[in-house]
Amino acid sequence: VGKELIIVNDCSADRSEREIMAVIR
């Protein structure tokens, strides 16, 4: 079983995008 990670940011107004990008990096 392989893994495909899909993240959808529903226009969060908090630090979500920054945290997501940090995890990706």
PDB file of all heavy atoms in Angstrom:
ATOM      1  N   VAL A   1       0.858  -1.189   0.000  1.00  0.00           N
ATOM      2  CA  VAL A   1       0.000   0.000   0.000  1.00  0.00           C
ATOM      3  C   VAL A   1       0.891   1.235   0.000  1.00  0.00           C
ATOM      4  O   VAL A   1       1.681   1.439   0.907  1.00  0.00           O
ATOM      5  CB  VAL A   1      -0.952   0.029   1.216  1.00  0.00           C
ATOM      6  CG1 VAL A   1      -1.774   1.309   1.230  1.00  0.00           C
ATOM      7  CG2 VAL A   1      -1.864  -1.186   1.210  1.00  0.00           C
ATOM      8  N   GLY A   2       0.760   2.041  -1.035  1.00  0.00           N
ATOM      9  CA  GLY A   2       1.525   3.275  -1.133  1.00  0.00           C
ATOM     10  C   GLY A   2       0.799   4.401  -0.432  1.00  0.00           C
ATOM     11  O   GLY A   2      -0.337   4.245   0.043  1.00  0.00           O
ATOM     12  N   LYS A   3       1.461   5.530  -0.357  1.00  0.00           N
ATOM     13  CA  LYS A   3       0.886   6.671   0.357  1.00  0.00           C
ATOM     14  C   LYS A   3       0.928   7.901  -0.533  1.00  0.00           C
ATOM     15  O   LYS A   3       1.928   8.189  -1.176  1.00  0.00           O
ATOM     16  CB  LYS A   3       1.702   6.929   1.618  1.00  0.00           C
ATOM     17  CG  LYS A   3       1.102   7.927   2.561  1.00  0.00           C
ATOM     18  CD  LYS A   3       2.009   8.219   3.757  1.00  0.00           C
ATOM     19  CE  LYS A   3       2.539   6.998   4.416  1.00  0.00           C
ATOM     20  NZ  LYS A   3       3.431   7.275   5.557  1.00  0.00           N
ATOM     21  N   GLU A   4      -0.167   8.612  -0.565  1.00  0.00           N
ATOM     22  CA  GLU A   4      -0.278   9.862  -1.297  1.00  0.00           C
ATOM     23  C   GLU A   4      -0.858  10.877  -0.311  1.00  0.00           C
ATOM     24  O   GLU A   4      -1.940  10.667   0.225  1.00  0.00           O
ATOM     25  CB  GLU A   4      -1.217   9.645  -2.480  1.00  0.00           C
ATOM     26  CG  GLU A   4      -1.546  10.854  -3.277  1.00  0.00           C
ATOM     27  CD  GLU A   4      -2.431  10.498  -4.461  1.00  0.00           C
ATOM     28  OE1 GLU A   4      -3.484   9.843  -4.279  1.00  0.00           O
ATOM     29  OE2 GLU A   4      -2.053  10.867  -5.572  1.00  0.00           O
ATOM     30  N   LEU A   5      -0.138  11.933  -0.038  1.00  0.00           N
ATOM     31  CA  LEU A   5      -0.587  12.921   0.932  1.00  0.00           C
ATOM     32  C   LEU A   5      -1.101  14.152   0.197  1.00  0.00           C
ATOM     33  O   LEU A   5      -0.370  14.808  -0.540  1.00  0.00           O
ATOM     34  CB  LEU A   5       0.564  13.301   1.864  1.00  0.00           C
ATOM     35  CG  LEU A   5       0.250  14.256   3.007  1.00  0.00           C
ATOM     36  CD1 LEU A   5      -0.837  13.689   3.915  1.00  0.00           C
ATOM     37  CD2 LEU A   5       1.511  14.531   3.812  1.00  0.00           C
ATOM     38  N   ILE A   6      -2.385  14.453   0.412  1.00  0.00           N
ATOM     39  CA  ILE A   6      -3.021  15.608  -0.211  1.00  0.00           C
ATOM     40  C   ILE A   6      -3.499  16.517   0.919  1.00  0.00           C
ATOM     41  O   ILE A   6      -4.247  16.084   1.794  1.00  0.00           O
ATOM     42  CB  ILE A   6      -4.210  15.187  -1.095  1.00  0.00           C
ATOM     43  CG1 ILE A   6      -3.728  14.235  -2.193  1.00  0.00           C
ATOM     44  CG2 ILE A   6      -4.909  16.411  -1.674  1.00  0.00           C
ATOM     45  CD1 ILE A   6      -4.850  13.530  -2.923  1.00  0.00           C
ATOM     46  N   ILE A   7      -3.051  17.754   0.895  1.00  0.00           N
ATOM     47  CA  ILE A   7      -3.448  18.729   1.913  1.00  0.00           C
ATOM     48  C   ILE A   7      -4.265  19.822   1.236  1.00  0.00           C
ATOM     49  O   ILE A   7      -3.824  20.393   0.236  1.00  0.00           O
ATOM     50  CB  ILE A   7      -2.216  19.349   2.595  1.00  0.00           C
ATOM     51  CG1 ILE A   7      -1.396  18.260   3.297  1.00  0.00           C
ATOM     52  CG2 ILE A   7      -2.646  20.441   3.571  1.00  0.00           C
ATOM     53  CD1 ILE A   7      -0.076  18.750   3.849  1.00  0.00           C
ATOM     54  N   VAL A   8      -5.436  20.098   1.791  1.00  0.00           N
ATOM     55  CA  VAL A   8      -6.271  21.180   1.280  1.00  0.00           C
ATOM     56  C   VAL A   8      -6.384  22.236   2.370  1.00  0.00           C
ATOM     57  O   VAL A   8      -6.880  21.962   3.460  1.00  0.00           O
ATOM     58  CB  VAL A   8      -7.677  20.685   0.876  1.00  0.00           C
ATOM     59  CG1 VAL A   8      -8.521  21.848   0.362  1.00  0.00           C
ATOM     60  CG2 VAL A   8      -7.582  19.578  -0.165  1.00  0.00           C
ATOM     61  N   ASN A   9      -5.929  23.435   2.068  1.00  0.00           N
ATOM     62  CA  ASN A   9      -6.048  24.569   2.978  1.00  0.00           C
ATOM     63  C   ASN A   9      -7.261  25.378   2.521  1.00  0.00           C
ATOM     64  O   ASN A   9      -7.253  25.973   1.457  1.00  0.00           O
ATOM     65  CB  ASN A   9      -4.776  25.422   2.940  1.00  0.00           C
ATOM     66  CG  ASN A   9      -4.820  26.577   3.901  1.00  0.00           C
ATOM     67  OD1 ASN A   9      -5.866  26.921   4.431  1.00  0.00           O
ATOM     68  ND2 ASN A   9      -3.677  27.195   4.115  1.00  0.00           N
ATOM     69  N   ASP A  10      -8.295  25.368   3.348  1.00  0.00           N
ATOM     70  CA  ASP A  10      -9.539  26.047   2.997  1.00  0.00           C
ATOM     71  C   ASP A  10      -9.500  27.510   3.434  1.00  0.00           C
ATOM     72  O   ASP A  10     -10.362  27.980   4.168  1.00  0.00           O
ATOM     73  CB  ASP A  10     -10.727  25.316   3.625  1.00  0.00           C
ATOM     74  CG  ASP A  10     -12.057  25.806   3.108  1.00  0.00           C
ATOM     75  OD1 ASP A  10     -12.145  26.170   1.920  1.00  0.00           O
ATOM     76  OD2 ASP A  10     -13.016  25.839   3.902  1.00  0.00           O
ATOM     77  N   CYS A  11      -8.457  28.216   2.979  1.00  0.00           N
ATOM     78  CA  CYS A  11      -8.290  29.645   3.249  1.00  0.00           C
ATOM     79  C   CYS A  11      -8.207  29.945   4.747  1.00  0.00           C
ATOM     80  O   CYS A  11      -8.821  30.872   5.255  1.00  0.00           O
ATOM     81  CB  CYS A  11      -9.403  30.463   2.594  1.00  0.00           C
ATOM     82  SG  CYS A  11      -9.029  32.233   2.536  1.00  0.00           S
ATOM     83  N   SER A  12      -7.433  29.140   5.454  1.00  0.00           N
ATOM     84  CA  SER A  12      -7.257  29.355   6.887  1.00  0.00           C
ATOM     85  C   SER A  12      -6.648  30.727   7.146  1.00  0.00           C
ATOM     86  O   SER A  12      -5.737  31.149   6.435  1.00  0.00           O
ATOM     87  CB  SER A  12      -6.350  28.282   7.484  1.00  0.00           C
ATOM     88  OG  SER A  12      -6.977  27.026   7.412  1.00  0.00           O
ATOM     89  N   ALA A  13      -7.132  31.373   8.180  1.00  0.00           N
ATOM     90  CA  ALA A  13      -6.635  32.704   8.532  1.00  0.00           C
ATOM     91  C   ALA A  13      -5.600  32.642   9.652  1.00  0.00           C
ATOM     92  O   ALA A  13      -5.122  33.656  10.113  1.00  0.00           O
ATOM     93  CB  ALA A  13      -7.799  33.593   8.961  1.00  0.00           C
ATOM     94  N   ASP A  14      -5.261  31.435  10.082  1.00  0.00           N
ATOM     95  CA  ASP A  14      -4.281  31.280  11.149  1.00  0.00           C
ATOM     96  C   ASP A  14      -2.899  30.966  10.562  1.00  0.00           C
ATOM     97  O   ASP A  14      -2.612  31.355   9.446  1.00  0.00           O
ATOM     98  CB  ASP A  14      -4.732  30.188  12.121  1.00  0.00           C
ATOM     99  CG  ASP A  14      -4.970  28.853  11.425  1.00  0.00           C
ATOM    100  OD1 ASP A  14      -4.564  28.701  10.252  1.00  0.00           O
ATOM    101  OD2 ASP A  14      -5.551  27.961  12.055  1.00  0.00           O
ATOM    102  N   ARG A  15      -2.081  30.252  11.275  1.00  0.00           N
ATOM    103  CA  ARG A  15      -0.722  29.919  10.824  1.00  0.00           C
ATOM    104  C   ARG A  15      -0.667  28.632  10.008  1.00  0.00           C
ATOM    105  O   ARG A  15       0.412  28.097   9.784  1.00  0.00           O
ATOM    106  CB  ARG A  15       0.182  29.782  12.036  1.00  0.00           C
ATOM    107  CG  ARG A  15       0.321  31.059  12.828  1.00  0.00           C
ATOM    108  CD  ARG A  15       1.200  30.872  14.017  1.00  0.00           C
ATOM    109  NE  ARG A  15       2.356  30.059  13.641  1.00  0.00           N
ATOM    110  CZ  ARG A  15       3.353  29.751  14.443  1.00  0.00           C
ATOM    111  NH1 ARG A  15       3.359  30.184  15.658  1.00  0.00           N
ATOM    112  NH2 ARG A  15       4.351  29.005  14.024  1.00  0.00           N
ATOM    113  N   SER A  16      -1.798  28.120   9.569  1.00  0.00           N
ATOM    114  CA  SER A  16      -1.843  26.829   8.879  1.00  0.00           C
ATOM    115  C   SER A  16      -0.879  26.748   7.703  1.00  0.00           C
ATOM    116  O   SER A  16      -0.114  25.797   7.589  1.00  0.00           O
ATOM    117  CB  SER A  16      -3.259  26.524   8.389  1.00  0.00           C
ATOM    118  OG  SER A  16      -4.127  26.342   9.473  1.00  0.00           O
ATOM    119  N   GLU A  17      -0.924  27.727   6.827  1.00  0.00           N
ATOM    120  CA  GLU A  17      -0.071  27.664   5.636  1.00  0.00           C
ATOM    121  C   GLU A  17       1.403  27.617   6.020  1.00  0.00           C
ATOM    122  O   GLU A  17       2.170  26.835   5.465  1.00  0.00           O
ATOM    123  CB  GLU A  17      -0.339  28.835   4.697  1.00  0.00           C
ATOM    124  CG  GLU A  17       0.559  28.770   3.471  1.00  0.00           C
ATOM    125  CD  GLU A  17      -0.151  29.200   2.213  1.00  0.00           C
ATOM    126  OE1 GLU A  17      -1.257  29.751   2.273  1.00  0.00           O
ATOM    127  OE2 GLU A  17       0.423  28.957   1.151  1.00  0.00           O
ATOM    128  N   ARG A  18       1.797  28.424   6.972  1.00  0.00           N
ATOM    129  CA  ARG A  18       3.195  28.436   7.418  1.00  0.00           C
ATOM    130  C   ARG A  18       3.592  27.067   7.979  1.00  0.00           C
ATOM    131  O   ARG A  18       4.665  26.553   7.703  1.00  0.00           O
ATOM    132  CB  ARG A  18       3.384  29.522   8.470  1.00  0.00           C
ATOM    133  CG  ARG A  18       4.823  29.790   8.790  1.00  0.00           C
ATOM    134  CD  ARG A  18       5.018  30.977   9.690  1.00  0.00           C
ATOM    135  NE  ARG A  18       3.887  31.899   9.694  1.00  0.00           N
ATOM    136  CZ  ARG A  18       3.568  32.695  10.684  1.00  0.00           C
ATOM    137  NH1 ARG A  18       4.308  32.733  11.760  1.00  0.00           N
ATOM    138  NH2 ARG A  18       2.528  33.493  10.603  1.00  0.00           N
ATOM    139  N   GLU A  19       2.708  26.476   8.778  1.00  0.00           N
ATOM    140  CA  GLU A  19       2.987  25.157   9.364  1.00  0.00           C
ATOM    141  C   GLU A  19       3.043  24.075   8.292  1.00  0.00           C
ATOM    142  O   GLU A  19       3.913  23.203   8.332  1.00  0.00           O
ATOM    143  CB  GLU A  19       1.928  24.814  10.413  1.00  0.00           C
ATOM    144  CG  GLU A  19       1.943  25.712  11.623  1.00  0.00           C
ATOM    145  CD  GLU A  19       3.219  25.582  12.438  1.00  0.00           C
ATOM    146  OE1 GLU A  19       3.777  24.472  12.516  1.00  0.00           O
ATOM    147  OE2 GLU A  19       3.658  26.600  12.999  1.00  0.00           O
ATOM    148  N   ILE A  20       2.119  24.125   7.345  1.00  0.00           N
ATOM    149  CA  ILE A  20       2.098  23.144   6.257  1.00  0.00           C
ATOM    150  C   ILE A  20       3.385  23.220   5.453  1.00  0.00           C
ATOM    151  O   ILE A  20       4.024  22.193   5.178  1.00  0.00           O
ATOM    152  CB  ILE A  20       0.874  23.372   5.340  1.00  0.00           C
ATOM    153  CG1 ILE A  20      -0.420  23.044   6.090  1.00  0.00           C
ATOM    154  CG2 ILE A  20       0.991  22.554   4.059  1.00  0.00           C
ATOM    155  CD1 ILE A  20      -1.666  23.568   5.413  1.00  0.00           C
ATOM    156  N   MET A  21       3.790  24.416   5.100  1.00  0.00           N
ATOM    157  CA  MET A  21       5.009  24.585   4.308  1.00  0.00           C
ATOM    158  C   MET A  21       6.242  24.124   5.087  1.00  0.00           C
ATOM    159  O   MET A  21       7.160  23.535   4.523  1.00  0.00           O
ATOM    160  CB  MET A  21       5.167  26.034   3.848  1.00  0.00           C
ATOM    161  CG  MET A  21       4.025  26.506   2.940  1.00  0.00           C
ATOM    162  SD  MET A  21       3.605  25.380   1.599  1.00  0.00           S
ATOM    163  CE  MET A  21       5.040  25.549   0.568  1.00  0.00           C
ATOM    164  N   ALA A  22       6.260  24.343   6.386  1.00  0.00           N
ATOM    165  CA  ALA A  22       7.379  23.889   7.216  1.00  0.00           C
ATOM    166  C   ALA A  22       7.457  22.368   7.225  1.00  0.00           C
ATOM    167  O   ALA A  22       8.550  21.796   7.115  1.00  0.00           O
ATOM    168  CB  ALA A  22       7.237  24.439   8.634  1.00  0.00           C
ATOM    169  N   VAL A  23       6.326  21.709   7.339  1.00  0.00           N
ATOM    170  CA  VAL A  23       6.307  20.238   7.322  1.00  0.00           C
ATOM    171  C   VAL A  23       6.786  19.722   5.967  1.00  0.00           C
ATOM    172  O   VAL A  23       7.578  18.784   5.889  1.00  0.00           O
ATOM    173  CB  VAL A  23       4.895  19.701   7.658  1.00  0.00           C
ATOM    174  CG1 VAL A  23       4.797  18.215   7.364  1.00  0.00           C
ATOM    175  CG2 VAL A  23       4.543  19.990   9.107  1.00  0.00           C
ATOM    176  N   ILE A  24       6.324  20.340   4.902  1.00  0.00           N
ATOM    177  CA  ILE A  24       6.742  19.921   3.550  1.00  0.00           C
ATOM    178  C   ILE A  24       8.254  20.083   3.400  1.00  0.00           C
ATOM    179  O   ILE A  24       8.932  19.199   2.869  1.00  0.00           O
ATOM    180  CB  ILE A  24       5.970  20.717   2.478  1.00  0.00           C
ATOM    181  CG1 ILE A  24       4.487  20.288   2.483  1.00  0.00           C
ATOM    182  CG2 ILE A  24       6.594  20.522   1.095  1.00  0.00           C
ATOM    183  CD1 ILE A  24       3.593  21.148   1.613  1.00  0.00           C
ATOM    184  N   ARG A  25       8.803  21.194   3.883  1.00  0.00           N
ATOM    185  CA  ARG A  25      10.259  21.411   3.802  1.00  0.00           C
ATOM    186  C   ARG A  25      11.034  20.403   4.642  1.00  0.00           C
ATOM    187  O   ARG A  25      12.096  19.937   4.244  1.00  0.00           O
ATOM    188  CB  ARG A  25      10.609  22.832   4.233  1.00  0.00           C
ATOM    189  CG  ARG A  25      10.389  23.875   3.154  1.00  0.00           C
ATOM    190  CD  ARG A  25      11.020  25.220   3.518  1.00  0.00           C
ATOM    191  NE  ARG A  25      10.510  25.795   4.761  1.00  0.00           N
ATOM    192  CZ  ARG A  25       9.365  26.471   4.866  1.00  0.00           C
ATOM    193  NH1 ARG A  25       8.610  26.675   3.802  1.00  0.00           N
ATOM    194  NH2 ARG A  25       8.970  26.954   6.023  1.00  0.00           N
TER     195      ARG A  25
END
